[in-house]
Amino acid sequence: MDTKRRNGWVALLLTWIAPGLGHLYLGQRGKAILFFSVITFIYVFGMALSGFLNVSLERHAIYFAAQIFYGGATLIAEVATRHLRWVTFNGLHDVGLLYTSVAGLLNIIVMVDIYEILHPREAPAHE
């Protein structure tokens, strides 16, 4: 598929919604499956570790700044878990915060890969 005809902003927006969607849009199915499965696993595992109480702009603003780069899941989690409150102490809560934050930051790397696909570097000239 000719990536020159594809809109880079659309690819980035799709990647922000879910890792791999931008690659799927650009016709790179293998990368799309890899990025989606790995980063989504990390995100969901982090949510499970923390009892689904780790995505909150109100409670964890600094972590949310990293989590928001996995936009689709973060927005859904923020809305779906907003009403949940702590009942017992969860020693893995901080680990879950880190996992979901890392997943968001990894999605930035996926976005950079989208840029590299759309704007490939020229090979260096050999002397």
N, C-alpha and C. Protein backbone atom coordinates (compact mmCIF):
# COMPACT_ATOMS: atom_id res chain seq x y z
N MET A 1 0.84 -1.18 0.00
CA MET A 1 0.00 0.00 0.00
C MET A 1 0.88 1.24 0.00
N ASP A 2 0.51 2.23 -0.76
CA ASP A 2 1.28 3.45 -0.86
C ASP A 2 0.99 4.34 0.34
N THR A 3 1.97 4.45 1.24
CA THR A 3 1.78 5.25 2.45
C THR A 3 1.77 6.74 2.16
N LYS A 4 2.31 7.16 1.03
CA LYS A 4 2.32 8.59 0.68
C LYS A 4 0.90 9.14 0.52
N ARG A 5 -0.02 8.28 0.16
CA ARG A 5 -1.40 8.71 -0.05
C ARG A 5 -2.20 8.72 1.25
N ARG A 6 -1.62 8.24 2.32
CA ARG A 6 -2.32 8.18 3.59
C ARG A 6 -2.05 9.44 4.41
N ASN A 7 -3.04 9.86 5.16
CA ASN A 7 -2.94 11.05 5.99
C ASN A 7 -2.22 10.70 7.29
N GLY A 8 -1.11 11.36 7.54
CA GLY A 8 -0.32 11.10 8.74
C GLY A 8 -1.05 11.43 10.02
N TRP A 9 -1.85 12.49 10.00
CA TRP A 9 -2.60 12.87 11.20
C TRP A 9 -3.65 11.82 11.55
N VAL A 10 -4.27 11.25 10.54
CA VAL A 10 -5.25 10.18 10.77
C VAL A 10 -4.54 8.97 11.39
N ALA A 11 -3.37 8.62 10.84
CA ALA A 11 -2.60 7.49 11.38
C ALA A 11 -2.21 7.73 12.83
N LEU A 12 -1.79 8.95 13.16
CA LEU A 12 -1.42 9.27 14.54
C LEU A 12 -2.63 9.23 15.47
N LEU A 13 -3.75 9.76 15.01
CA LEU A 13 -4.96 9.73 15.83
C LEU A 13 -5.41 8.29 16.08
N LEU A 14 -5.36 7.47 15.05
CA LEU A 14 -5.73 6.06 15.22
C LEU A 14 -4.78 5.36 16.19
N THR A 15 -3.51 5.69 16.12
CA THR A 15 -2.53 5.09 17.04
C THR A 15 -2.78 5.56 18.46
N TRP A 16 -3.17 6.81 18.63
CA TRP A 16 -3.49 7.31 19.96
C TRP A 16 -4.70 6.57 20.54
N ILE A 17 -5.67 6.30 19.70
CA ILE A 17 -6.86 5.57 20.17
C ILE A 17 -6.48 4.17 20.62
N ALA A 18 -5.68 3.47 19.83
CA ALA A 18 -5.21 2.13 20.20
C ALA A 18 -3.92 1.85 19.43
N PRO A 19 -2.90 1.37 20.12
CA PRO A 19 -1.65 1.05 19.44
C PRO A 19 -1.90 0.07 18.31
N GLY A 20 -1.31 0.36 17.17
CA GLY A 20 -1.45 -0.54 16.03
C GLY A 20 -2.50 -0.13 15.03
N LEU A 21 -3.49 0.66 15.44
CA LEU A 21 -4.52 1.07 14.49
C LEU A 21 -3.95 1.91 13.36
N GLY A 22 -3.00 2.76 13.68
CA GLY A 22 -2.36 3.57 12.65
C GLY A 22 -1.58 2.71 11.67
N HIS A 23 -0.91 1.69 12.18
CA HIS A 23 -0.17 0.77 11.31
C HIS A 23 -1.13 -0.02 10.43
N LEU A 24 -2.25 -0.41 10.99
CA LEU A 24 -3.26 -1.11 10.20
C LEU A 24 -3.76 -0.20 9.08
N TYR A 25 -3.98 1.05 9.39
CA TYR A 25 -4.40 2.06 8.40
C TYR A 25 -3.36 2.20 7.29
N LEU A 26 -2.08 2.06 7.66
CA LEU A 26 -1.01 2.18 6.67
C LEU A 26 -0.71 0.85 5.96
N GLY A 27 -1.44 -0.19 6.31
CA GLY A 27 -1.29 -1.47 5.64
C GLY A 27 -0.21 -2.36 6.23
N GLN A 28 0.23 -2.08 7.44
CA GLN A 28 1.26 -2.90 8.08
C GLN A 28 0.62 -3.75 9.18
N ARG A 29 -0.02 -4.81 8.73
CA ARG A 29 -0.81 -5.66 9.62
C ARG A 29 0.02 -6.33 10.71
N GLY A 30 1.21 -6.82 10.36
CA GLY A 30 2.06 -7.50 11.35
C GLY A 30 2.44 -6.60 12.51
N LYS A 31 2.90 -5.40 12.18
CA LYS A 31 3.25 -4.44 13.23
C LYS A 31 2.01 -4.07 14.04
N ALA A 32 0.89 -3.91 13.37
CA ALA A 32 -0.35 -3.54 14.06
C ALA A 32 -0.71 -4.57 15.11
N ILE A 33 -0.66 -5.84 14.75
CA ILE A 33 -1.00 -6.91 15.69
C ILE A 33 0.00 -6.95 16.84
N LEU A 34 1.27 -6.84 16.53
CA LEU A 34 2.31 -6.86 17.57
C LEU A 34 2.13 -5.72 18.56
N PHE A 35 2.04 -4.49 18.05
CA PHE A 35 1.94 -3.34 18.94
C PHE A 35 0.66 -3.39 19.78
N PHE A 36 -0.45 -3.72 19.14
CA PHE A 36 -1.71 -3.76 19.87
C PHE A 36 -1.67 -4.82 20.97
N SER A 37 -1.24 -6.01 20.63
CA SER A 37 -1.28 -7.09 21.62
C SER A 37 -0.33 -6.85 22.78
N VAL A 38 0.89 -6.42 22.52
CA VAL A 38 1.86 -6.22 23.60
C VAL A 38 1.47 -5.04 24.49
N ILE A 39 1.18 -3.90 23.90
CA ILE A 39 0.91 -2.71 24.70
C ILE A 39 -0.44 -2.83 25.41
N THR A 40 -1.41 -3.40 24.77
CA THR A 40 -2.71 -3.59 25.43
C THR A 40 -2.60 -4.58 26.57
N PHE A 41 -1.81 -5.65 26.41
CA PHE A 41 -1.60 -6.59 27.51
C PHE A 41 -0.98 -5.87 28.71
N ILE A 42 0.05 -5.07 28.47
CA ILE A 42 0.70 -4.34 29.56
C ILE A 42 -0.31 -3.43 30.26
N TYR A 43 -1.12 -2.74 29.48
CA TYR A 43 -2.10 -1.81 30.03
C TYR A 43 -3.14 -2.55 30.88
N VAL A 44 -3.73 -3.58 30.32
CA VAL A 44 -4.78 -4.33 31.03
C VAL A 44 -4.21 -5.04 32.25
N PHE A 45 -3.00 -5.57 32.13
CA PHE A 45 -2.35 -6.22 33.28
C PHE A 45 -2.15 -5.20 34.41
N GLY A 46 -1.73 -4.00 34.06
CA GLY A 46 -1.58 -2.95 35.07
C GLY A 46 -2.90 -2.59 35.73
N MET A 47 -3.95 -2.55 34.92
CA MET A 47 -5.27 -2.28 35.49
C MET A 47 -5.68 -3.38 36.47
N ALA A 48 -5.45 -4.62 36.07
CA ALA A 48 -5.83 -5.75 36.94
C ALA A 48 -5.02 -5.75 38.23
N LEU A 49 -3.72 -5.47 38.13
CA LEU A 49 -2.88 -5.44 39.33
C LEU A 49 -3.37 -4.42 40.35
N SER A 50 -3.87 -3.33 39.88
CA SER A 50 -4.28 -2.25 40.78
C SER A 50 -5.78 -2.28 41.11
N GLY A 51 -6.43 -3.34 40.76
CA GLY A 51 -7.86 -3.45 41.07
C GLY A 51 -8.70 -2.47 40.29
N PHE A 52 -8.23 -2.06 39.12
CA PHE A 52 -8.93 -1.15 38.22
C PHE A 52 -9.19 0.23 38.86
N LEU A 53 -8.27 0.63 39.76
CA LEU A 53 -8.39 1.93 40.41
C LEU A 53 -7.20 2.84 40.10
N ASN A 54 -6.48 2.56 39.04
CA ASN A 54 -5.26 3.32 38.79
C ASN A 54 -5.36 4.35 37.68
N VAL A 55 -6.44 4.41 36.97
CA VAL A 55 -6.58 5.41 35.91
C VAL A 55 -7.58 6.46 36.39
N SER A 56 -7.02 7.60 36.81
CA SER A 56 -7.87 8.67 37.32
C SER A 56 -7.12 9.99 37.25
N LEU A 57 -7.67 10.91 36.52
CA LEU A 57 -7.07 12.24 36.45
C LEU A 57 -7.11 12.91 37.83
N GLU A 58 -8.17 12.68 38.56
CA GLU A 58 -8.33 13.29 39.87
C GLU A 58 -7.36 12.70 40.91
N ARG A 59 -7.23 11.37 40.95
CA ARG A 59 -6.39 10.73 41.98
C ARG A 59 -4.93 10.62 41.59
N HIS A 60 -4.63 10.49 40.29
CA HIS A 60 -3.26 10.22 39.84
C HIS A 60 -2.91 11.08 38.63
N ALA A 61 -2.89 12.38 38.80
CA ALA A 61 -2.71 13.29 37.67
C ALA A 61 -1.38 13.09 36.95
N ILE A 62 -0.31 12.86 37.68
CA ILE A 62 1.00 12.70 37.03
C ILE A 62 1.04 11.41 36.21
N TYR A 63 0.54 10.32 36.77
CA TYR A 63 0.50 9.07 36.02
C TYR A 63 -0.45 9.19 34.83
N PHE A 64 -1.54 9.90 35.03
CA PHE A 64 -2.52 10.08 33.96
C PHE A 64 -1.90 10.77 32.75
N ALA A 65 -0.93 11.65 33.00
CA ALA A 65 -0.24 12.35 31.91
C ALA A 65 0.48 11.37 30.99
N ALA A 66 0.96 10.25 31.52
CA ALA A 66 1.58 9.21 30.70
C ALA A 66 0.52 8.26 30.14
N GLN A 67 -0.46 7.92 30.95
CA GLN A 67 -1.50 6.98 30.53
C GLN A 67 -2.32 7.51 29.36
N ILE A 68 -2.47 8.81 29.27
CA ILE A 68 -3.34 9.39 28.24
C ILE A 68 -2.81 9.15 26.83
N PHE A 69 -1.54 8.78 26.70
CA PHE A 69 -1.02 8.49 25.37
C PHE A 69 -1.56 7.16 24.82
N TYR A 70 -2.18 6.37 25.68
CA TYR A 70 -3.02 5.26 25.20
C TYR A 70 -4.45 5.76 25.37
N GLY A 71 -4.81 6.68 24.53
CA GLY A 71 -6.01 7.47 24.68
C GLY A 71 -7.32 6.73 24.80
N GLY A 72 -7.57 5.79 23.90
CA GLY A 72 -8.85 5.11 23.91
C GLY A 72 -9.11 4.36 25.20
N ALA A 73 -8.18 3.53 25.61
CA ALA A 73 -8.36 2.74 26.83
C ALA A 73 -8.39 3.64 28.06
N THR A 74 -7.57 4.68 28.06
CA THR A 74 -7.51 5.57 29.21
C THR A 74 -8.82 6.33 29.39
N LEU A 75 -9.36 6.84 28.32
CA LEU A 75 -10.63 7.57 28.43
C LEU A 75 -11.76 6.64 28.88
N ILE A 76 -11.79 5.45 28.33
CA ILE A 76 -12.81 4.47 28.74
C ILE A 76 -12.63 4.11 30.21
N ALA A 77 -11.39 3.83 30.62
CA ALA A 77 -11.13 3.46 32.02
C ALA A 77 -11.46 4.60 32.96
N GLU A 78 -11.14 5.82 32.58
CA GLU A 78 -11.44 6.98 33.44
C GLU A 78 -12.94 7.09 33.69
N VAL A 79 -13.73 6.94 32.65
CA VAL A 79 -15.18 7.06 32.78
C VAL A 79 -15.76 5.84 33.52
N ALA A 80 -15.29 4.65 33.17
CA ALA A 80 -15.87 3.42 33.73
C ALA A 80 -15.51 3.19 35.19
N THR A 81 -14.36 3.70 35.63
CA THR A 81 -13.93 3.43 37.01
C THR A 81 -14.00 4.66 37.91
N ARG A 82 -14.54 5.72 37.42
CA ARG A 82 -14.62 6.97 38.19
C ARG A 82 -15.34 6.79 39.52
N HIS A 83 -16.34 5.97 39.56
CA HIS A 83 -17.14 5.78 40.77
C HIS A 83 -16.53 4.79 41.76
N LEU A 84 -15.52 4.03 41.36
CA LEU A 84 -14.92 3.02 42.24
C LEU A 84 -14.07 3.67 43.32
N ARG A 85 -14.09 3.10 44.52
CA ARG A 85 -13.30 3.61 45.64
C ARG A 85 -12.60 2.45 46.34
N TRP A 86 -11.53 2.77 47.07
CA TRP A 86 -10.78 1.77 47.82
C TRP A 86 -11.65 1.16 48.91
N VAL A 87 -11.58 -0.16 49.03
CA VAL A 87 -12.24 -0.86 50.13
C VAL A 87 -11.17 -1.46 51.03
N THR A 88 -10.17 -2.07 50.43
CA THR A 88 -9.04 -2.62 51.18
C THR A 88 -7.74 -2.16 50.52
N PHE A 89 -6.64 -2.26 51.27
CA PHE A 89 -5.34 -1.86 50.75
C PHE A 89 -4.88 -2.86 49.69
N ASN A 90 -4.36 -2.33 48.60
CA ASN A 90 -3.82 -3.16 47.52
C ASN A 90 -2.34 -2.80 47.36
N GLY A 91 -1.47 -3.71 47.78
CA GLY A 91 -0.04 -3.47 47.71
C GLY A 91 0.50 -3.38 46.29
N LEU A 92 -0.26 -3.82 45.32
CA LEU A 92 0.19 -3.79 43.92
C LEU A 92 -0.33 -2.57 43.16
N HIS A 93 -0.98 -1.67 43.85
CA HIS A 93 -1.56 -0.50 43.18
C HIS A 93 -0.49 0.32 42.45
N ASP A 94 0.63 0.58 43.12
CA ASP A 94 1.69 1.37 42.50
C ASP A 94 2.28 0.66 41.28
N VAL A 95 2.39 -0.65 41.35
CA VAL A 95 2.90 -1.42 40.20
C VAL A 95 1.94 -1.28 39.03
N GLY A 96 0.66 -1.35 39.30
CA GLY A 96 -0.35 -1.18 38.26
C GLY A 96 -0.29 0.21 37.64
N LEU A 97 -0.04 1.22 38.46
CA LEU A 97 0.13 2.58 37.94
C LEU A 97 1.29 2.64 36.96
N LEU A 98 2.39 2.00 37.33
CA LEU A 98 3.57 2.01 36.46
C LEU A 98 3.31 1.27 35.15
N TYR A 99 2.67 0.13 35.23
CA TYR A 99 2.39 -0.64 34.02
C TYR A 99 1.54 0.15 33.04
N THR A 100 0.46 0.75 33.51
CA THR A 100 -0.40 1.49 32.60
C THR A 100 0.30 2.75 32.07
N SER A 101 1.13 3.35 32.90
CA SER A 101 1.90 4.52 32.45
C SER A 101 2.92 4.14 31.39
N VAL A 102 3.60 3.03 31.59
CA VAL A 102 4.57 2.55 30.61
C VAL A 102 3.87 2.22 29.30
N ALA A 103 2.69 1.63 29.37
CA ALA A 103 1.95 1.32 28.15
C ALA A 103 1.65 2.60 27.36
N GLY A 104 1.26 3.64 28.06
CA GLY A 104 1.02 4.92 27.39
C GLY A 104 2.28 5.48 26.76
N LEU A 105 3.40 5.39 27.47
CA LEU A 105 4.67 5.90 26.95
C LEU A 105 5.17 5.05 25.78
N LEU A 106 4.93 3.75 25.82
CA LEU A 106 5.31 2.90 24.69
C LEU A 106 4.52 3.29 23.44
N ASN A 107 3.31 3.74 23.63
CA ASN A 107 2.51 4.15 22.48
C ASN A 107 3.11 5.38 21.80
N ILE A 108 3.85 6.20 22.54
CA ILE A 108 4.55 7.32 21.91
C ILE A 108 5.57 6.78 20.91
N ILE A 109 6.25 5.71 21.28
CA ILE A 109 7.23 5.10 20.38
C ILE A 109 6.54 4.58 19.13
N VAL A 110 5.36 4.02 19.30
CA VAL A 110 4.59 3.55 18.14
C VAL A 110 4.23 4.72 17.25
N MET A 111 3.89 5.86 17.84
CA MET A 111 3.59 7.06 17.05
C MET A 111 4.81 7.55 16.29
N VAL A 112 5.98 7.46 16.91
CA VAL A 112 7.21 7.84 16.23
C VAL A 112 7.47 6.91 15.05
N ASP A 113 7.14 5.63 15.21
CA ASP A 113 7.30 4.68 14.11
C ASP A 113 6.38 5.06 12.94
N ILE A 114 5.18 5.52 13.24
CA ILE A 114 4.27 6.00 12.20
C ILE A 114 4.94 7.13 11.42
N TYR A 115 5.55 8.07 12.14
CA TYR A 115 6.22 9.18 11.48
C TYR A 115 7.37 8.67 10.60
N GLU A 116 8.13 7.72 11.11
CA GLU A 116 9.25 7.16 10.35
C GLU A 116 8.78 6.45 9.08
N ILE A 117 7.65 5.80 9.16
CA ILE A 117 7.09 5.13 7.97
C ILE A 117 6.68 6.16 6.92
N LEU A 118 6.06 7.23 7.37
CA LEU A 118 5.57 8.25 6.44
C LEU A 118 6.66 9.17 5.93
N HIS A 119 7.74 9.31 6.69
CA HIS A 119 8.85 10.19 6.32
C HIS A 119 10.18 9.43 6.50
N PRO A 120 10.44 8.46 5.65
CA PRO A 120 11.67 7.67 5.82
C PRO A 120 12.92 8.52 5.61
N ARG A 121 13.94 8.17 6.35
CA ARG A 121 15.23 8.85 6.21
C ARG A 121 15.94 8.34 4.97
N GLU A 122 16.75 9.20 4.40
CA GLU A 122 17.56 8.78 3.27
C GLU A 122 18.75 7.97 3.78
N ALA A 123 19.11 6.95 3.02
CA ALA A 123 20.25 6.13 3.40
C ALA A 123 21.52 6.97 3.27
N PRO A 124 22.44 6.85 4.24
CA PRO A 124 23.67 7.62 4.16
C PRO A 124 24.51 7.17 2.95
N ALA A 125 25.14 8.14 2.33
CA ALA A 125 26.00 7.83 1.17
C ALA A 125 27.31 7.24 1.65
N HIS A 126 27.75 6.18 1.02
CA HIS A 126 29.03 5.56 1.36
C HIS A 126 30.14 6.22 0.56
N GLU A 127 31.24 6.45 1.23
CA GLU A 127 32.37 7.09 0.55
C GLU A 127 33.31 6.07 -0.03
